[in-house]
Amino acid sequence: MILNITIDQESYELEVKQELLDELKSFFEDMDKEYDRGVQMGRFWVESPDDEQRCQVAVNKLVNAMYSEDKRSLYIMAAYIVSKFPDVKELIYNSEYEMQEIDIQLHG
């Protein structure tokens, strides 16, 4: 699957393969257990994040991984997002906005 990402008006494409999703399944379960305890979203603490909020946190981590050239974390976060939203069309990130404003667009 091709994951389209727009970061501050720059567009990128990442290929997320099914093999990666399968390989990371137990890792994603561990991530979800961690997120079950709540997440910090910018200035706000979210006690029980839903899937969209979990993915907004993952998008933030993905962008940080991209800037620090951490390919491993970049693909892990991309695969996590695809695992939660297999019909994801595009991720839109703007560094001037709050984390809760990260836009996860789905097909259809």
PDB file of N, CA and C in Angstrom:
ATOM      1  N   MET A   1       0.833  -1.168   0.000  1.00  0.00           N
ATOM      2  CA  MET A   1       0.000   0.000   0.000  1.00  0.00           C
ATOM      3  C   MET A   1       0.887   1.244   0.000  1.00  0.00           C
ATOM      4  N   ILE A   2       0.471   2.252  -0.718  1.00  0.00           N
ATOM      5  CA  ILE A   2       1.188   3.526  -0.744  1.00  0.00           C
ATOM      6  C   ILE A   2       0.493   4.455   0.250  1.00  0.00           C
ATOM      7  N   LEU A   3       1.264   4.975   1.183  1.00  0.00           N
ATOM      8  CA  LEU A   3       0.760   5.930   2.174  1.00  0.00           C
ATOM      9  C   LEU A   3       1.234   7.316   1.749  1.00  0.00           C
ATOM     10  N   ASN A   4       0.281   8.196   1.490  1.00  0.00           N
ATOM     11  CA  ASN A   4       0.583   9.572   1.099  1.00  0.00           C
ATOM     12  C   ASN A   4       0.630  10.440   2.349  1.00  0.00           C
ATOM     13  N   ILE A   5       1.681  11.254   2.440  1.00  0.00           N
ATOM     14  CA  ILE A   5       1.883  12.106   3.606  1.00  0.00           C
ATOM     15  C   ILE A   5       2.209  13.513   3.117  1.00  0.00           C
ATOM     16  N   THR A   6       1.513  14.496   3.664  1.00  0.00           N
ATOM     17  CA  THR A   6       1.829  15.889   3.375  1.00  0.00           C
ATOM     18  C   THR A   6       2.277  16.530   4.676  1.00  0.00           C
ATOM     19  N   ILE A   7       3.493  17.072   4.653  1.00  0.00           N
ATOM     20  CA  ILE A   7       4.071  17.735   5.824  1.00  0.00           C
ATOM     21  C   ILE A   7       4.389  19.164   5.428  1.00  0.00           C
ATOM     22  N   ASP A   8       3.662  20.102   6.012  1.00  0.00           N
ATOM     23  CA  ASP A   8       3.890  21.518   5.703  1.00  0.00           C
ATOM     24  C   ASP A   8       3.998  21.767   4.202  1.00  0.00           C
ATOM     25  N   GLN A   9       3.017  21.304   3.460  1.00  0.00           N
ATOM     26  CA  GLN A   9       2.897  21.506   2.008  1.00  0.00           C
ATOM     27  C   GLN A   9       3.839  20.645   1.162  1.00  0.00           C
ATOM     28  N   GLU A  10       4.702  19.828   1.777  1.00  0.00           N
ATOM     29  CA  GLU A  10       5.578  18.914   1.028  1.00  0.00           C
ATOM     30  C   GLU A  10       4.931  17.528   1.029  1.00  0.00           C
ATOM     31  N   SER A  11       4.862  16.903  -0.125  1.00  0.00           N
ATOM     32  CA  SER A  11       4.218  15.597  -0.229  1.00  0.00           C
ATOM     33  C   SER A  11       5.248  14.476  -0.339  1.00  0.00           C
ATOM     34  N   TYR A  12       4.930  13.360   0.309  1.00  0.00           N
ATOM     35  CA  TYR A  12       5.802  12.188   0.313  1.00  0.00           C
ATOM     36  C   TYR A  12       4.928  10.948   0.118  1.00  0.00           C
ATOM     37  N   GLU A  13       5.552   9.883  -0.356  1.00  0.00           N
ATOM     38  CA  GLU A  13       4.889   8.583  -0.476  1.00  0.00           C
ATOM     39  C   GLU A  13       5.749   7.534   0.211  1.00  0.00           C
ATOM     40  N   LEU A  14       5.104   6.692   1.001  1.00  0.00           N
ATOM     41  CA  LEU A  14       5.790   5.569   1.638  1.00  0.00           C
ATOM     42  C   LEU A  14       5.079   4.296   1.229  1.00  0.00           C
ATOM     43  N   GLU A  15       5.843   3.297   0.869  1.00  0.00           N
ATOM     44  CA  GLU A  15       5.243   2.000   0.574  1.00  0.00           C
ATOM     45  C   GLU A  15       5.261   1.163   1.847  1.00  0.00           C
ATOM     46  N   VAL A  16       4.072   0.764   2.269  1.00  0.00           N
ATOM     47  CA  VAL A  16       3.933  -0.076   3.461  1.00  0.00           C
ATOM     48  C   VAL A  16       3.479  -1.450   2.975  1.00  0.00           C
ATOM     49  N   LYS A  17       4.368  -2.421   3.098  1.00  0.00           N
ATOM     50  CA  LYS A  17       4.082  -3.764   2.590  1.00  0.00           C
ATOM     51  C   LYS A  17       3.328  -4.601   3.622  1.00  0.00           C
ATOM     52  N   GLN A  18       2.526  -5.520   3.118  1.00  0.00           N
ATOM     53  CA  GLN A  18       1.758  -6.410   3.992  1.00  0.00           C
ATOM     54  C   GLN A  18       2.676  -7.223   4.899  1.00  0.00           C
ATOM     55  N   GLU A  19       3.830  -7.610   4.396  1.00  0.00           N
ATOM     56  CA  GLU A  19       4.780  -8.389   5.199  1.00  0.00           C
ATOM     57  C   GLU A  19       5.197  -7.613   6.457  1.00  0.00           C
ATOM     58  N   LEU A  20       5.377  -6.306   6.304  1.00  0.00           N
ATOM     59  CA  LEU A  20       5.743  -5.466   7.443  1.00  0.00           C
ATOM     60  C   LEU A  20       4.603  -5.410   8.450  1.00  0.00           C
ATOM     61  N   LEU A  21       3.390  -5.266   7.969  1.00  0.00           N
ATOM     62  CA  LEU A  21       2.219  -5.252   8.858  1.00  0.00           C
ATOM     63  C   LEU A  21       2.128  -6.565   9.637  1.00  0.00           C
ATOM     64  N   ASP A  22       2.329  -7.679   8.941  1.00  0.00           N
ATOM     65  CA  ASP A  22       2.265  -8.986   9.596  1.00  0.00           C
ATOM     66  C   ASP A  22       3.378  -9.146  10.629  1.00  0.00           C
ATOM     67  N   GLU A  23       4.568  -8.711  10.260  1.00  0.00           N
ATOM     68  CA  GLU A  23       5.732  -8.840  11.133  1.00  0.00           C
ATOM     69  C   GLU A  23       5.588  -8.021  12.421  1.00  0.00           C
ATOM     70  N   LEU A  24       4.933  -6.881  12.324  1.00  0.00           N
ATOM     71  CA  LEU A  24       4.849  -5.960  13.464  1.00  0.00           C
ATOM     72  C   LEU A  24       3.570  -6.094  14.294  1.00  0.00           C
ATOM     73  N   LYS A  25       2.750  -7.086  13.990  1.00  0.00           N
ATOM     74  CA  LYS A  25       1.451  -7.217  14.658  1.00  0.00           C
ATOM     75  C   LYS A  25       1.576  -7.239  16.187  1.00  0.00           C
ATOM     76  N   SER A  26       2.468  -8.026  16.736  1.00  0.00           N
ATOM     77  CA  SER A  26       2.599  -8.085  18.197  1.00  0.00           C
ATOM     78  C   SER A  26       3.178  -6.779  18.743  1.00  0.00           C
ATOM     79  N   PHE A  27       4.034  -6.114  17.965  1.00  0.00           N
ATOM     80  CA  PHE A  27       4.563  -4.814  18.377  1.00  0.00           C
ATOM     81  C   PHE A  27       3.428  -3.796  18.474  1.00  0.00           C
ATOM     82  N   PHE A  28       2.503  -3.826  17.527  1.00  0.00           N
ATOM     83  CA  PHE A  28       1.356  -2.916  17.551  1.00  0.00           C
ATOM     84  C   PHE A  28       0.463  -3.195  18.756  1.00  0.00           C
ATOM     85  N   GLU A  29       0.323  -4.461  19.116  1.00  0.00           N
ATOM     86  CA  GLU A  29      -0.455  -4.801  20.313  1.00  0.00           C
ATOM     87  C   GLU A  29       0.190  -4.186  21.555  1.00  0.00           C
ATOM     88  N   ASP A  30       1.518  -4.231  21.624  1.00  0.00           N
ATOM     89  CA  ASP A  30       2.238  -3.603  22.740  1.00  0.00           C
ATOM     90  C   ASP A  30       2.054  -2.085  22.729  1.00  0.00           C
ATOM     91  N   MET A  31       2.093  -1.484  21.543  1.00  0.00           N
ATOM     92  CA  MET A  31       1.856  -0.039  21.434  1.00  0.00           C
ATOM     93  C   MET A  31       0.470   0.302  21.962  1.00  0.00           C
ATOM     94  N   ASP A  32      -0.521  -0.497  21.584  1.00  0.00           N
ATOM     95  CA  ASP A  32      -1.886  -0.232  22.028  1.00  0.00           C
ATOM     96  C   ASP A  32      -2.027  -0.373  23.541  1.00  0.00           C
ATOM     97  N   LYS A  33      -1.337  -1.340  24.124  1.00  0.00           N
ATOM     98  CA  LYS A  33      -1.365  -1.479  25.589  1.00  0.00           C
ATOM     99  C   LYS A  33      -0.800  -0.225  26.245  1.00  0.00           C
ATOM    100  N   GLU A  34       0.261   0.305  25.657  1.00  0.00           N
ATOM    101  CA  GLU A  34       0.857   1.544  26.168  1.00  0.00           C
ATOM    102  C   GLU A  34      -0.132   2.705  26.013  1.00  0.00           C
ATOM    103  N   TYR A  35      -0.756   2.807  24.856  1.00  0.00           N
ATOM    104  CA  TYR A  35      -1.723   3.885  24.612  1.00  0.00           C
ATOM    105  C   TYR A  35      -2.970   3.742  25.478  1.00  0.00           C
ATOM    106  N   ASP A  36      -3.285   2.508  25.891  1.00  0.00           N
ATOM    107  CA  ASP A  36      -4.441   2.294  26.770  1.00  0.00           C
ATOM    108  C   ASP A  36      -4.290   3.045  28.093  1.00  0.00           C
ATOM    109  N   ARG A  37      -3.066   3.363  28.456  1.00  0.00           N
ATOM    110  CA  ARG A  37      -2.806   4.094  29.705  1.00  0.00           C
ATOM    111  C   ARG A  37      -2.937   5.600  29.532  1.00  0.00           C
ATOM    112  N   GLY A  38      -3.221   6.036  28.287  1.00  0.00           N
ATOM    113  CA  GLY A  38      -3.361   7.458  27.997  1.00  0.00           C
ATOM    114  C   GLY A  38      -2.167   7.961  27.208  1.00  0.00           C
ATOM    115  N   VAL A  39      -2.354   9.108  26.547  1.00  0.00           N
ATOM    116  CA  VAL A  39      -1.295   9.695  25.735  1.00  0.00           C
ATOM    117  C   VAL A  39      -1.251  11.208  25.925  1.00  0.00           C
ATOM    118  N   GLN A  40      -0.066  11.746  25.781  1.00  0.00           N
ATOM    119  CA  GLN A  40       0.119  13.194  25.782  1.00  0.00           C
ATOM    120  C   GLN A  40       0.001  13.666  24.343  1.00  0.00           C
ATOM    121  N   MET A  41      -0.943  14.550  24.095  1.00  0.00           N
ATOM    122  CA  MET A  41      -1.141  15.101  22.752  1.00  0.00           C
ATOM    123  C   MET A  41      -0.886  16.599  22.821  1.00  0.00           C
ATOM    124  N   GLY A  42       0.378  16.955  22.604  1.00  0.00           N
ATOM    125  CA  GLY A  42       0.728  18.368  22.713  1.00  0.00           C
ATOM    126  C   GLY A  42       0.570  18.824  24.152  1.00  0.00           C
ATOM    127  N   ARG A  43      -0.282  19.808  24.346  1.00  0.00           N
ATOM    128  CA  ARG A  43      -0.510  20.345  25.699  1.00  0.00           C
ATOM    129  C   ARG A  43      -1.541  19.547  26.491  1.00  0.00           C
ATOM    130  N   PHE A  44      -2.178  18.568  25.858  1.00  0.00           N
ATOM    131  CA  PHE A  44      -3.302  17.876  26.481  1.00  0.00           C
ATOM    132  C   PHE A  44      -3.002  16.409  26.756  1.00  0.00           C
ATOM    133  N   TRP A  45      -3.501  15.928  27.893  1.00  0.00           N
ATOM    134  CA  TRP A  45      -3.436  14.513  28.229  1.00  0.00           C
ATOM    135  C   TRP A  45      -4.769  13.888  27.856  1.00  0.00           C
ATOM    136  N   VAL A  46      -4.727  12.798  27.095  1.00  0.00           N
ATOM    137  CA  VAL A  46      -5.947  12.079  26.703  1.00  0.00           C
ATOM    138  C   VAL A  46      -5.943  10.745  27.424  1.00  0.00           C
ATOM    139  N   GLU A  47      -6.916  10.584  28.320  1.00  0.00           N
ATOM    140  CA  GLU A  47      -7.001   9.407  29.178  1.00  0.00           C
ATOM    141  C   GLU A  47      -7.251   8.117  28.398  1.00  0.00           C
ATOM    142  N   SER A  48      -8.209   8.162  27.478  1.00  0.00           N
ATOM    143  CA  SER A  48      -8.592   6.975  26.699  1.00  0.00           C
ATOM    144  C   SER A  48      -8.606   7.325  25.213  1.00  0.00           C
ATOM    145  N   PRO A  49      -7.442   7.314  24.566  1.00  0.00           N
ATOM    146  CA  PRO A  49      -7.408   7.718  23.153  1.00  0.00           C
ATOM    147  C   PRO A  49      -8.116   6.717  22.250  1.00  0.00           C
ATOM    148  N   ASP A  50      -8.861   7.266  21.281  1.00  0.00           N
ATOM    149  CA  ASP A  50      -9.488   6.402  20.280  1.00  0.00           C
ATOM    150  C   ASP A  50      -8.460   6.132  19.168  1.00  0.00           C
ATOM    151  N   ASP A  51      -8.860   5.355  18.168  1.00  0.00           N
ATOM    152  CA  ASP A  51      -7.915   4.994  17.104  1.00  0.00           C
ATOM    153  C   ASP A  51      -7.384   6.219  16.363  1.00  0.00           C
ATOM    154  N   GLU A  52      -8.243   7.209  16.131  1.00  0.00           N
ATOM    155  CA  GLU A  52      -7.776   8.403  15.427  1.00  0.00           C
ATOM    156  C   GLU A  52      -6.714   9.132  16.256  1.00  0.00           C
ATOM    157  N   GLN A  53      -6.939   9.285  17.543  1.00  0.00           N
ATOM    158  CA  GLN A  53      -5.961   9.958  18.399  1.00  0.00           C
ATOM    159  C   GLN A  53      -4.659   9.161  18.477  1.00  0.00           C
ATOM    160  N   ARG A  54      -4.757   7.851  18.562  1.00  0.00           N
ATOM    161  CA  ARG A  54      -3.555   7.007  18.574  1.00  0.00           C
ATOM    162  C   ARG A  54      -2.754   7.218  17.292  1.00  0.00           C
ATOM    163  N   CYS A  55      -3.465   7.307  16.169  1.00  0.00           N
ATOM    164  CA  CYS A  55      -2.781   7.516  14.892  1.00  0.00           C
ATOM    165  C   CYS A  55      -2.236   8.933  14.768  1.00  0.00           C
ATOM    166  N   GLN A  56      -2.891   9.902  15.365  1.00  0.00           N
ATOM    167  CA  GLN A  56      -2.344  11.256  15.357  1.00  0.00           C
ATOM    168  C   GLN A  56      -1.016  11.290  16.113  1.00  0.00           C
ATOM    169  N   VAL A  57      -0.933  10.572  17.220  1.00  0.00           N
ATOM    170  CA  VAL A  57       0.330  10.461  17.951  1.00  0.00           C
ATOM    171  C   VAL A  57       1.367   9.770  17.069  1.00  0.00           C
ATOM    172  N   ALA A  58       0.951   8.710  16.375  1.00  0.00           N
ATOM    173  CA  ALA A  58       1.867   7.980  15.491  1.00  0.00           C
ATOM    174  C   ALA A  58       2.333   8.859  14.328  1.00  0.00           C
ATOM    175  N   VAL A  59       1.446   9.684  13.781  1.00  0.00           N
ATOM    176  CA  VAL A  59       1.849  10.597  12.701  1.00  0.00           C
ATOM    177  C   VAL A  59       2.907  11.564  13.225  1.00  0.00           C
ATOM    178  N   ASN A  60       2.709  12.080  14.428  1.00  0.00           N
ATOM    179  CA  ASN A  60       3.682  12.986  15.023  1.00  0.00           C
ATOM    180  C   ASN A  60       5.049  12.293  15.158  1.00  0.00           C
ATOM    181  N   LYS A  61       5.031  11.038  15.599  1.00  0.00           N
ATOM    182  CA  LYS A  61       6.273  10.268  15.717  1.00  0.00           C
ATOM    183  C   LYS A  61       6.883   9.994  14.344  1.00  0.00           C
ATOM    184  N   LEU A  62       6.032   9.729  13.360  1.00  0.00           N
ATOM    185  CA  LEU A  62       6.482   9.487  11.994  1.00  0.00           C
ATOM    186  C   LEU A  62       7.209  10.722  11.454  1.00  0.00           C
ATOM    187  N   VAL A  63       6.636  11.892  11.668  1.00  0.00           N
ATOM    188  CA  VAL A  63       7.254  13.134  11.190  1.00  0.00           C
ATOM    189  C   VAL A  63       8.597  13.352  11.891  1.00  0.00           C
ATOM    190  N   ASN A  64       8.637  13.125  13.200  1.00  0.00           N
ATOM    191  CA  ASN A  64       9.908  13.250  13.931  1.00  0.00           C
ATOM    192  C   ASN A  64      10.947  12.271  13.395  1.00  0.00           C
ATOM    193  N   ALA A  65      10.509  11.045  13.094  1.00  0.00           N
ATOM    194  CA  ALA A  65      11.429  10.040  12.540  1.00  0.00           C
ATOM    195  C   ALA A  65      11.932  10.459  11.167  1.00  0.00           C
ATOM    196  N   MET A  66      11.062  11.075  10.388  1.00  0.00           N
ATOM    197  CA  MET A  66      11.470  11.536   9.058  1.00  0.00           C
ATOM    198  C   MET A  66      12.548  12.625   9.186  1.00  0.00           C
ATOM    199  N   TYR A  67      12.320  13.567  10.070  1.00  0.00           N
ATOM    200  CA  TYR A  67      13.287  14.656  10.246  1.00  0.00           C
ATOM    201  C   TYR A  67      14.617  14.167  10.813  1.00  0.00           C
ATOM    202  N   SER A  68      14.572  13.137  11.662  1.00  0.00           N
ATOM    203  CA  SER A  68      15.813  12.612  12.243  1.00  0.00           C
ATOM    204  C   SER A  68      16.415  11.477  11.406  1.00  0.00           C
ATOM    205  N   GLU A  69      15.787  11.198  10.251  1.00  0.00           N
ATOM    206  CA  GLU A  69      16.236  10.161   9.321  1.00  0.00           C
ATOM    207  C   GLU A  69      16.296   8.776   9.965  1.00  0.00           C
ATOM    208  N   ASP A  70      15.318   8.500  10.820  1.00  0.00           N
ATOM    209  CA  ASP A  70      15.188   7.202  11.484  1.00  0.00           C
ATOM    210  C   ASP A  70      14.198   6.358  10.678  1.00  0.00           C
ATOM    211  N   LYS A  71      14.716   5.690   9.638  1.00  0.00           N
ATOM    212  CA  LYS A  71      13.854   4.939   8.720  1.00  0.00           C
ATOM    213  C   LYS A  71      13.064   3.840   9.417  1.00  0.00           C
ATOM    214  N   ARG A  72      13.683   3.198  10.379  1.00  0.00           N
ATOM    215  CA  ARG A  72      13.000   2.108  11.085  1.00  0.00           C
ATOM    216  C   ARG A  72      11.737   2.623  11.771  1.00  0.00           C
ATOM    217  N   SER A  73      11.869   3.681  12.566  1.00  0.00           N
ATOM    218  CA  SER A  73      10.705   4.249  13.258  1.00  0.00           C
ATOM    219  C   SER A  73       9.694   4.813  12.269  1.00  0.00           C
ATOM    220  N   LEU A  74      10.185   5.395  11.198  1.00  0.00           N
ATOM    221  CA  LEU A  74       9.307   5.946  10.166  1.00  0.00           C
ATOM    222  C   LEU A  74       8.370   4.862   9.630  1.00  0.00           C
ATOM    223  N   TYR A  75       8.944   3.715   9.260  1.00  0.00           N
ATOM    224  CA  TYR A  75       8.121   2.641   8.694  1.00  0.00           C
ATOM    225  C   TYR A  75       7.265   1.944   9.745  1.00  0.00           C
ATOM    226  N   ILE A  76       7.736   1.863  10.973  1.00  0.00           N
ATOM    227  CA  ILE A  76       6.919   1.281  12.039  1.00  0.00           C
ATOM    228  C   ILE A  76       5.674   2.126  12.262  1.00  0.00           C
ATOM    229  N   MET A  77       5.833   3.444  12.348  1.00  0.00           N
ATOM    230  CA  MET A  77       4.683   4.323  12.576  1.00  0.00           C
ATOM    231  C   MET A  77       3.739   4.315  11.376  1.00  0.00           C
ATOM    232  N   ALA A  78       4.306   4.293  10.167  1.00  0.00           N
ATOM    233  CA  ALA A  78       3.467   4.226   8.970  1.00  0.00           C
ATOM    234  C   ALA A  78       2.656   2.932   8.967  1.00  0.00           C
ATOM    235  N   ALA A  79       3.297   1.828   9.300  1.00  0.00           N
ATOM    236  CA  ALA A  79       2.603   0.538   9.324  1.00  0.00           C
ATOM    237  C   ALA A  79       1.534   0.516  10.422  1.00  0.00           C
ATOM    238  N   TYR A  80       1.815   1.130  11.566  1.00  0.00           N
ATOM    239  CA  TYR A  80       0.823   1.196  12.645  1.00  0.00           C
ATOM    240  C   TYR A  80      -0.431   1.929  12.162  1.00  0.00           C
ATOM    241  N   ILE A  81      -0.233   3.045  11.493  1.00  0.00           N
ATOM    242  CA  ILE A  81      -1.367   3.831  10.996  1.00  0.00           C
ATOM    243  C   ILE A  81      -2.176   3.014   9.988  1.00  0.00           C
ATOM    244  N   VAL A  82      -1.488   2.342   9.080  1.00  0.00           N
ATOM    245  CA  VAL A  82      -2.175   1.509   8.084  1.00  0.00           C
ATOM    246  C   VAL A  82      -2.902   0.345   8.762  1.00  0.00           C
ATOM    247  N   SER A  83      -2.330  -0.185   9.834  1.00  0.00           N
ATOM    248  CA  SER A  83      -3.001  -1.288  10.540  1.00  0.00           C
ATOM    249  C   SER A  83      -4.309  -0.821  11.181  1.00  0.00           C
ATOM    250  N   LYS A  84      -4.349   0.418  11.637  1.00  0.00           N
ATOM    251  CA  LYS A  84      -5.558   0.973  12.261  1.00  0.00           C
ATOM    252  C   LYS A  84      -6.565   1.433  11.222  1.00  0.00           C
ATOM    253  N   PHE A  85      -6.059   2.023  10.135  1.00  0.00           N
ATOM    254  CA  PHE A  85      -6.913   2.559   9.081  1.00  0.00           C
ATOM    255  C   PHE A  85      -6.434   2.036   7.725  1.00  0.00           C
ATOM    256  N   PRO A  86      -6.809   0.792   7.375  1.00  0.00           N
ATOM    257  CA  PRO A  86      -6.350   0.213   6.111  1.00  0.00           C
ATOM    258  C   PRO A  86      -6.813   1.003   4.885  1.00  0.00           C
ATOM    259  N   ASP A  87      -7.850   1.817   5.051  1.00  0.00           N
ATOM    260  CA  ASP A  87      -8.354   2.603   3.926  1.00  0.00           C
ATOM    261  C   ASP A  87      -7.847   4.046   3.965  1.00  0.00           C
ATOM    262  N   VAL A  88      -6.711   4.266   4.649  1.00  0.00           N
ATOM    263  CA  VAL A  88      -6.147   5.616   4.734  1.00  0.00           C
ATOM    264  C   VAL A  88      -5.739   6.097   3.348  1.00  0.00           C
ATOM    265  N   LYS A  89      -6.092   7.327   3.047  1.00  0.00           N
ATOM    266  CA  LYS A  89      -5.772   7.937   1.761  1.00  0.00           C
ATOM    267  C   LYS A  89      -4.555   8.851   1.902  1.00  0.00           C
ATOM    268  N   GLU A  90      -4.577   9.702   2.940  1.00  0.00           N
ATOM    269  CA  GLU A  90      -3.501  10.669   3.105  1.00  0.00           C
ATOM    270  C   GLU A  90      -3.435  11.147   4.551  1.00  0.00           C
ATOM    271  N   LEU A  91      -2.216  11.439   4.992  1.00  0.00           N
ATOM    272  CA  LEU A  91      -1.981  12.054   6.294  1.00  0.00           C
ATOM    273  C   LEU A  91      -1.538  13.487   6.026  1.00  0.00           C
ATOM    274  N   ILE A  92      -2.156  14.428   6.722  1.00  0.00           N
ATOM    275  CA  ILE A  92      -1.800  15.831   6.519  1.00  0.00           C
ATOM    276  C   ILE A  92      -1.350  16.407   7.854  1.00  0.00           C
ATOM    277  N   TYR A  93      -0.100  16.831   7.874  1.00  0.00           N
ATOM    278  CA  TYR A  93       0.538  17.345   9.095  1.00  0.00           C
ATOM    279  C   TYR A  93       0.979  18.783   8.845  1.00  0.00           C
ATOM    280  N   ASN A  94       0.651  19.659   9.784  1.00  0.00           N
ATOM    281  CA  ASN A  94       1.085  21.050   9.712  1.00  0.00           C
ATOM    282  C   ASN A  94       1.742  21.385  11.040  1.00  0.00           C
ATOM    283  N   SER A  95       3.012  21.763  11.005  1.00  0.00           N
ATOM    284  CA  SER A  95       3.766  22.006  12.234  1.00  0.00           C
ATOM    285  C   SER A  95       3.239  23.187  13.043  1.00  0.00           C
ATOM    286  N   GLU A  96       2.390  24.002  12.441  1.00  0.00           N
ATOM    287  CA  GLU A  96       1.836  25.141  13.162  1.00  0.00           C
ATOM    288  C   GLU A  96       0.578  24.774  13.959  1.00  0.00           C
ATOM    289  N   TYR A  97       0.053  23.592  13.767  1.00  0.00           N
ATOM    290  CA  TYR A  97      -1.190  23.179  14.410  1.00  0.00           C
ATOM    291  C   TYR A  97      -0.931  22.270  15.595  1.00  0.00           C
ATOM    292  N   GLU A  98      -1.973  22.079  16.395  1.00  0.00           N
ATOM    293  CA  GLU A  98      -1.927  21.132  17.508  1.00  0.00           C
ATOM    294  C   GLU A  98      -1.978  19.707  16.953  1.00  0.00           C
ATOM    295  N   MET A  99      -1.493  18.773  17.739  1.00  0.00           N
ATOM    296  CA  MET A  99      -1.474  17.367  17.317  1.00  0.00           C
ATOM    297  C   MET A  99      -2.884  16.862  16.990  1.00  0.00           C
ATOM    298  N   GLN A 100      -3.889  17.347  17.708  1.00  0.00           N
ATOM    299  CA  GLN A 100      -5.264  16.910  17.478  1.00  0.00           C
ATOM    300  C   GLN A 100      -5.796  17.353  16.121  1.00  0.00           C
ATOM    301  N   GLU A 101      -5.094  18.245  15.457  1.00  0.00           N
ATOM    302  CA  GLU A 101      -5.527  18.741  14.160  1.00  0.00           C
ATOM    303  C   GLU A 101      -4.856  18.008  12.995  1.00  0.00           C
ATOM    304  N   ILE A 102      -4.055  17.006  13.287  1.00  0.00           N
ATOM    305  CA  ILE A 102      -3.480  16.179  12.224  1.00  0.00           C
ATOM    306  C   ILE A 102      -4.648  15.508  11.509  1.00  0.00           C
ATOM    307  N   ASP A 103      -4.673  15.631  10.209  1.00  0.00           N
ATOM    308  CA  ASP A 103      -5.794  15.145   9.410  1.00  0.00           C
ATOM    309  C   ASP A 103      -5.454  13.776   8.828  1.00  0.00           C
ATOM    310  N   ILE A 104      -6.290  12.808   9.146  1.00  0.00           N
ATOM    311  CA  ILE A 104      -6.165  11.467   8.595  1.00  0.00           C
ATOM    312  C   ILE A 104      -7.326  11.266   7.644  1.00  0.00           C
ATOM    313  N   GLN A 105      -7.045  11.346   6.348  1.00  0.00           N
ATOM    314  CA  GLN A 105      -8.096  11.221   5.347  1.00  0.00           C
ATOM    315  C   GLN A 105      -8.209   9.780   4.881  1.00  0.00           C
ATOM    316  N   LEU A 106      -9.468   9.319   4.794  1.00  0.00           N
ATOM    317  CA  LEU A 106      -9.727   7.950   4.391  1.00  0.00           C
ATOM    318  C   LEU A 106     -10.392   7.935   3.010  1.00  0.00           C
ATOM    319  N   HIS A 107     -10.199   6.830   2.280  1.00  0.00           N
ATOM    320  CA  HIS A 107     -10.871   6.652   0.999  1.00  0.00           C
ATOM    321  C   HIS A 107     -12.368   6.516   1.229  1.00  0.00           C
ATOM    322  N   GLY A 108     -13.151   7.052   0.301  1.00  0.00           N
ATOM    323  CA  GLY A 108     -14.604   6.895   0.332  1.00  0.00           C
ATOM    324  C   GLY A 108     -15.174   7.614   1.444  1.00  0.00           C
TER     325      GLY A 108
END
